[in-house]
Amino acid sequence: MLIRELSPTYVASCHPDTALSEAATLMREHDCGILPVVDGAYKVLGVLTDRDICMAVSSRDVLASELRARDVMSTTIHTIAAGDTAAQALRVMRKHHVRRLPITAPDGVLEGIVSLNDLFLAARPVGGNQPMSPSYEDLIQTMKAICSHPSAPTSKAEGGLAHI
């Protein structure tokens, strides 16, 4: 299954100078947890997640309307092409521990976005009759990889609990 078959036809995005309050409103209106941050030509410069916004607002003594996307966006961008397969998307997600991938043209221009939700909705059971769709097993392995925290403490003695 190709990524272009899974991607919604519309993807919300923002610019580097978009206020975090406006970005949060866009996320709420479009029921999404990520906005690709694009320039005037729609080239992807970074990504802004709902978590980025929450962490920025909760850790700084400023209003969300005073912070801009460029202040907190991630500039490490993992993307996929529309002609790539669902299996390729899952490999990228596993490797980089991400749940969503902007879909870009070869020149970096935003064409869409694919999420784990899209891949789950297209999934098939093992032995199912849609050989190009991701299998349940592929999705579970991807979720396990994304959810793993290799550098996290594993026990209370190693500092596994945080207290404020």
Protein backbone atom coordinates (compact mmCIF):
# COMPACT_ATOMS: atom_id res chain seq x y z
CA MET A 1 0.00 0.00 0.00
CA LEU A 2 1.38 3.38 -0.98
CA ILE A 3 1.41 6.36 1.34
CA ARG A 4 -0.64 8.43 -1.12
CA GLU A 5 -3.50 5.96 -0.57
CA LEU A 6 -3.48 6.60 3.18
CA SER A 7 -2.96 10.33 3.43
CA PRO A 8 -5.80 12.76 4.03
CA THR A 9 -6.32 15.21 1.17
CA TYR A 10 -5.89 18.22 3.46
CA VAL A 11 -3.22 18.83 6.05
CA ALA A 12 -3.13 21.80 8.40
CA SER A 13 0.21 23.57 8.69
CA CYS A 14 1.62 26.74 10.15
CA HIS A 15 4.49 29.17 9.60
CA PRO A 16 7.48 29.77 11.89
CA ASP A 17 5.96 33.04 13.12
CA THR A 18 2.60 31.48 14.05
CA ALA A 19 1.76 32.05 17.73
CA LEU A 20 1.48 28.86 19.77
CA SER A 21 -2.04 29.87 20.79
CA GLU A 22 -3.02 30.02 17.11
CA ALA A 23 -1.27 26.70 16.40
CA ALA A 24 -3.19 25.06 19.26
CA THR A 25 -6.43 26.40 17.82
CA LEU A 26 -5.56 24.94 14.42
CA MET A 27 -4.84 21.57 16.03
CA ARG A 28 -8.16 21.61 17.85
CA GLU A 29 -10.11 22.68 14.73
CA HIS A 30 -8.48 20.00 12.55
CA ASP A 31 -8.35 17.28 15.22
CA CYS A 32 -4.62 16.75 14.89
CA GLY A 33 -1.64 16.67 17.23
CA ILE A 34 1.01 17.94 14.83
CA LEU A 35 1.49 20.80 12.42
CA PRO A 36 4.20 20.82 9.81
CA VAL A 37 5.92 24.21 9.96
CA VAL A 38 6.37 25.50 6.41
CA ASP A 39 7.85 28.50 4.65
CA GLY A 40 6.03 30.61 2.04
CA ALA A 41 6.64 27.96 -0.63
CA TYR A 42 5.31 25.18 1.68
CA LYS A 43 8.74 23.65 2.18
CA VAL A 44 8.80 21.82 5.50
CA LEU A 45 11.08 23.55 8.01
CA GLY A 46 10.07 21.61 11.09
CA VAL A 47 7.17 20.13 13.01
CA LEU A 48 5.20 21.40 15.99
CA THR A 49 3.32 18.97 18.21
CA ASP A 50 0.67 19.46 20.86
CA ARG A 51 3.24 18.20 23.35
CA ASP A 52 5.75 20.87 22.20
CA ILE A 53 3.13 23.51 22.93
CA CYS A 54 2.21 22.09 26.34
CA MET A 55 5.83 21.75 27.44
CA ALA A 56 6.75 25.26 26.24
CA VAL A 57 3.81 26.94 27.92
CA SER A 58 4.17 24.97 31.15
CA SER A 59 7.92 25.50 31.46
CA ARG A 60 8.16 29.21 30.60
CA ASP A 61 6.64 32.21 32.28
CA VAL A 62 4.96 33.51 29.09
CA LEU A 63 1.61 33.22 27.37
CA ALA A 64 1.11 30.90 24.40
CA SER A 65 0.27 33.99 22.35
CA GLU A 66 3.78 35.34 23.03
CA LEU A 67 5.65 32.24 21.81
CA ARG A 68 6.08 31.39 18.14
CA ALA A 69 6.29 28.03 16.40
CA ARG A 70 9.96 28.71 15.57
CA ASP A 71 10.68 28.96 19.32
CA VAL A 72 9.71 25.36 20.06
CA MET A 73 9.37 23.41 16.80
CA SER A 74 11.54 20.41 16.11
CA THR A 75 13.84 20.99 13.16
CA THR A 76 14.85 17.34 12.99
CA ILE A 77 12.33 16.23 10.41
CA HIS A 78 11.60 12.66 9.37
CA THR A 79 9.55 12.52 6.18
CA ILE A 80 8.18 10.06 3.66
CA ALA A 81 7.34 10.35 -0.04
CA ALA A 82 3.82 9.79 -1.42
CA GLY A 83 5.14 6.92 -3.54
CA ASP A 84 6.72 5.11 -0.58
CA THR A 85 4.99 2.13 1.02
CA ALA A 86 3.27 1.70 4.36
CA ALA A 87 6.08 -0.70 5.32
CA GLN A 88 8.66 2.03 4.65
CA ALA A 89 6.69 4.49 6.78
CA LEU A 90 6.57 2.01 9.66
CA ARG A 91 10.34 1.50 9.44
CA VAL A 92 10.95 5.26 9.65
CA MET A 93 8.52 5.59 12.56
CA ARG A 94 10.19 2.72 14.45
CA LYS A 95 13.70 4.02 13.84
CA HIS A 96 12.96 7.61 14.89
CA HIS A 97 10.24 6.99 17.51
CA VAL A 98 7.64 9.16 15.77
CA ARG A 99 3.91 8.65 15.25
CA ARG A 100 3.45 10.97 12.28
CA LEU A 101 5.42 11.70 9.12
CA PRO A 102 5.06 14.68 6.81
CA ILE A 103 4.78 13.58 3.20
CA THR A 104 7.09 15.65 1.04
CA ALA A 105 7.99 16.05 -2.60
CA PRO A 106 11.68 15.62 -3.52
CA ASP A 107 12.17 19.39 -3.07
CA GLY A 108 10.83 19.24 0.52
CA VAL A 109 7.42 20.74 -0.26
CA LEU A 110 4.61 19.47 1.97
CA GLU A 111 2.18 17.12 0.22
CA GLY A 112 0.40 15.60 3.20
CA ILE A 113 0.93 13.74 6.42
CA VAL A 114 0.57 10.11 7.44
CA SER A 115 0.02 8.98 11.01
CA LEU A 116 -0.05 5.74 12.89
CA ASN A 117 -3.83 6.21 13.00
CA ASP A 118 -3.94 6.11 9.18
CA LEU A 119 -1.82 2.96 9.16
CA PHE A 120 -3.91 1.25 11.84
CA LEU A 121 -7.11 1.99 9.92
CA ALA A 122 -5.60 0.38 6.81
CA ALA A 123 -4.24 -2.66 8.68
CA ARG A 124 -5.00 -6.29 7.98
CA PRO A 125 -4.83 -9.37 10.16
CA VAL A 126 -1.94 -11.76 9.60
CA GLY A 127 -2.85 -13.81 6.54
CA GLY A 128 -5.44 -11.22 5.47
CA ASN A 129 -6.28 -10.73 1.81
CA GLN A 130 -4.72 -7.26 1.47
CA PRO A 131 -1.02 -8.13 1.03
CA MET A 132 0.12 -4.53 0.60
CA SER A 133 -1.58 -3.27 3.78
CA PRO A 134 0.40 -3.18 7.02
CA SER A 135 -0.15 -6.21 9.23
CA TYR A 136 -1.27 -6.02 12.83
CA GLU A 137 2.10 -7.47 13.81
CA ASP A 138 3.98 -4.71 11.93
CA LEU A 139 1.91 -2.08 13.72
CA ILE A 140 2.41 -3.62 17.15
CA GLN A 141 6.17 -3.79 16.61
CA THR A 142 6.17 -0.15 15.53
CA MET A 143 4.17 0.91 18.60
CA LYS A 144 6.53 -1.01 20.87
CA ALA A 145 9.55 0.71 19.29
CA ILE A 146 7.97 4.16 19.49
CA CYS A 147 6.88 3.69 23.09
CA SER A 148 10.23 2.38 24.29
CA HIS A 149 12.42 4.70 26.30
CA PRO A 150 15.91 3.21 26.02
CA SER A 151 17.53 5.87 28.20
CA ALA A 152 14.86 5.89 30.90
CA PRO A 153 15.72 4.55 34.36
CA THR A 154 14.37 1.04 34.86
CA SER A 155 14.12 0.91 38.63
CA LYS A 156 13.41 3.09 41.64
CA ALA A 157 17.09 2.75 42.66
CA GLU A 158 18.14 4.23 39.31
CA GLY A 159 15.86 7.21 39.80
CA GLY A 160 12.76 5.73 38.21
CA LEU A 161 10.43 8.02 40.18
CA ALA A 162 10.32 11.78 39.92
CA HIS A 163 9.01 13.96 42.75
CA ILE A 164 8.30 17.65 42.79
